[in-house]
Each structure stands twice: as structure tokens, then as C-alpha cells.
């Protein structure tokens, strides 16, 4: 298991958080997601054998957000 913290500067509200959580939770290998609105961060615990950090970033970008690599 791995834990990654991804800065997403354009998270503004609970709707943003819910959208990100919904998208990432659909990825095989994602075990836990926390969207920290005040910190503008998404913290994900995942299985690197099933999903990569790049997959997580791509999923966030596909929603229209701008995660920092």
C-alpha cells in the first residue's frame, strides 16, 4: 500500500470534493480517499500494483481540476 498527497489548488467546496472522491473511488486499487478542502489536497491510499500515482492525477485532471505533479 502507498499513500500519496496531491495538491489540487482549484478545490473550492464540498461539491469539488465529492466529485473527486467519486471518480477516484471507481479506480481499482484505490483504498481510501480524503479530500482536504482547506489544504487543497487529495490524500489517497492505494495499491501500486493496481493503480499508479499517474492514474490518480489523470482521473483528477479528467474532471477539470489542475493537480500539481
Protein backbone atom coordinates (compact mmCIF):
# COMPACT_ATOMS: atom_id res chain seq x y z
CA UNK A 1 0.00 0.00 0.00
CA UNK A 2 1.10 3.54 -0.70
CA UNK A 3 -0.08 6.92 0.48
CA UNK A 4 0.13 9.97 -1.76
CA UNK A 5 -0.81 13.59 -1.18
CA UNK A 6 -1.66 15.52 -4.35
CA UNK A 7 -2.04 19.29 -4.28
CA UNK A 8 -5.12 20.45 -6.19
CA UNK A 9 -5.24 24.24 -5.92
CA UNK A 10 -8.66 24.62 -7.52
CA UNK A 11 -10.65 22.62 -4.94
CA UNK A 12 -13.19 25.10 -3.55
CA UNK A 13 -16.13 23.28 -2.00
CA UNK A 14 -17.83 20.07 -0.93
CA UNK A 15 -19.10 19.51 -4.49
CA UNK A 16 -15.48 19.54 -5.74
CA UNK A 17 -14.53 17.08 -3.02
CA UNK A 18 -17.46 14.78 -3.78
CA UNK A 19 -16.65 14.78 -7.48
CA UNK A 20 -13.02 13.83 -6.85
CA UNK A 21 -13.94 11.18 -4.29
CA UNK A 22 -16.47 9.61 -6.63
CA UNK A 23 -14.06 9.49 -9.56
CA UNK A 24 -11.11 8.10 -7.62
CA UNK A 25 -13.17 5.54 -5.73
CA UNK A 26 -14.12 3.96 -9.06
CA UNK A 27 -10.48 3.12 -9.79
CA UNK A 28 -9.43 -0.44 -8.98
CA UNK A 29 -6.77 -0.33 -6.28
CA UNK A 30 -7.89 2.86 -4.53
CA UNK A 31 -8.46 2.01 -0.87
CA UNK A 32 -9.12 5.34 0.85
CA UNK A 33 -9.55 8.96 -0.23
CA UNK A 34 -9.54 12.14 1.81
CA UNK A 35 -10.11 15.49 0.17
CA UNK A 36 -8.83 18.28 2.40
CA UNK A 37 -10.60 21.36 1.06
CA UNK A 38 -8.84 23.88 3.32
CA UNK A 39 -5.41 22.43 2.48
CA UNK A 40 -6.31 22.00 -1.21
CA UNK A 41 -5.02 18.41 -1.09
CA UNK A 42 -6.24 14.96 -2.01
CA UNK A 43 -4.75 12.17 0.08
CA UNK A 44 -5.11 8.69 -1.37
CA UNK A 45 -4.14 5.27 -0.03
CA UNK A 46 -3.78 2.85 -2.92
CA UNK A 47 -2.32 -0.42 -4.16
CA UNK A 48 0.51 0.43 -6.61
CA UNK A 49 0.15 -2.99 -8.24
CA UNK A 50 -3.32 -1.97 -9.47
CA UNK A 51 -3.21 1.80 -9.94
CA UNK A 52 -0.42 4.35 -10.28
CA UNK A 53 0.02 7.87 -8.99
CA UNK A 54 -0.18 9.00 -12.61
CA UNK A 55 -3.58 7.27 -12.94
CA UNK A 56 -4.83 9.21 -9.92
CA UNK A 57 -3.58 12.51 -11.33
CA UNK A 58 -5.11 11.74 -14.74
CA UNK A 59 -8.50 10.99 -13.14
CA UNK A 60 -8.42 14.31 -11.27
CA UNK A 61 -7.43 16.17 -14.47
CA UNK A 62 -10.22 14.45 -16.41
CA UNK A 63 -12.67 16.12 -14.01
CA UNK A 64 -11.32 19.55 -14.98
CA UNK A 65 -9.10 20.14 -11.94
CA UNK A 66 -5.41 21.06 -12.08
CA UNK A 67 -3.43 18.74 -9.82
CA UNK A 68 0.23 19.55 -9.33
CA UNK A 69 2.58 16.70 -10.21
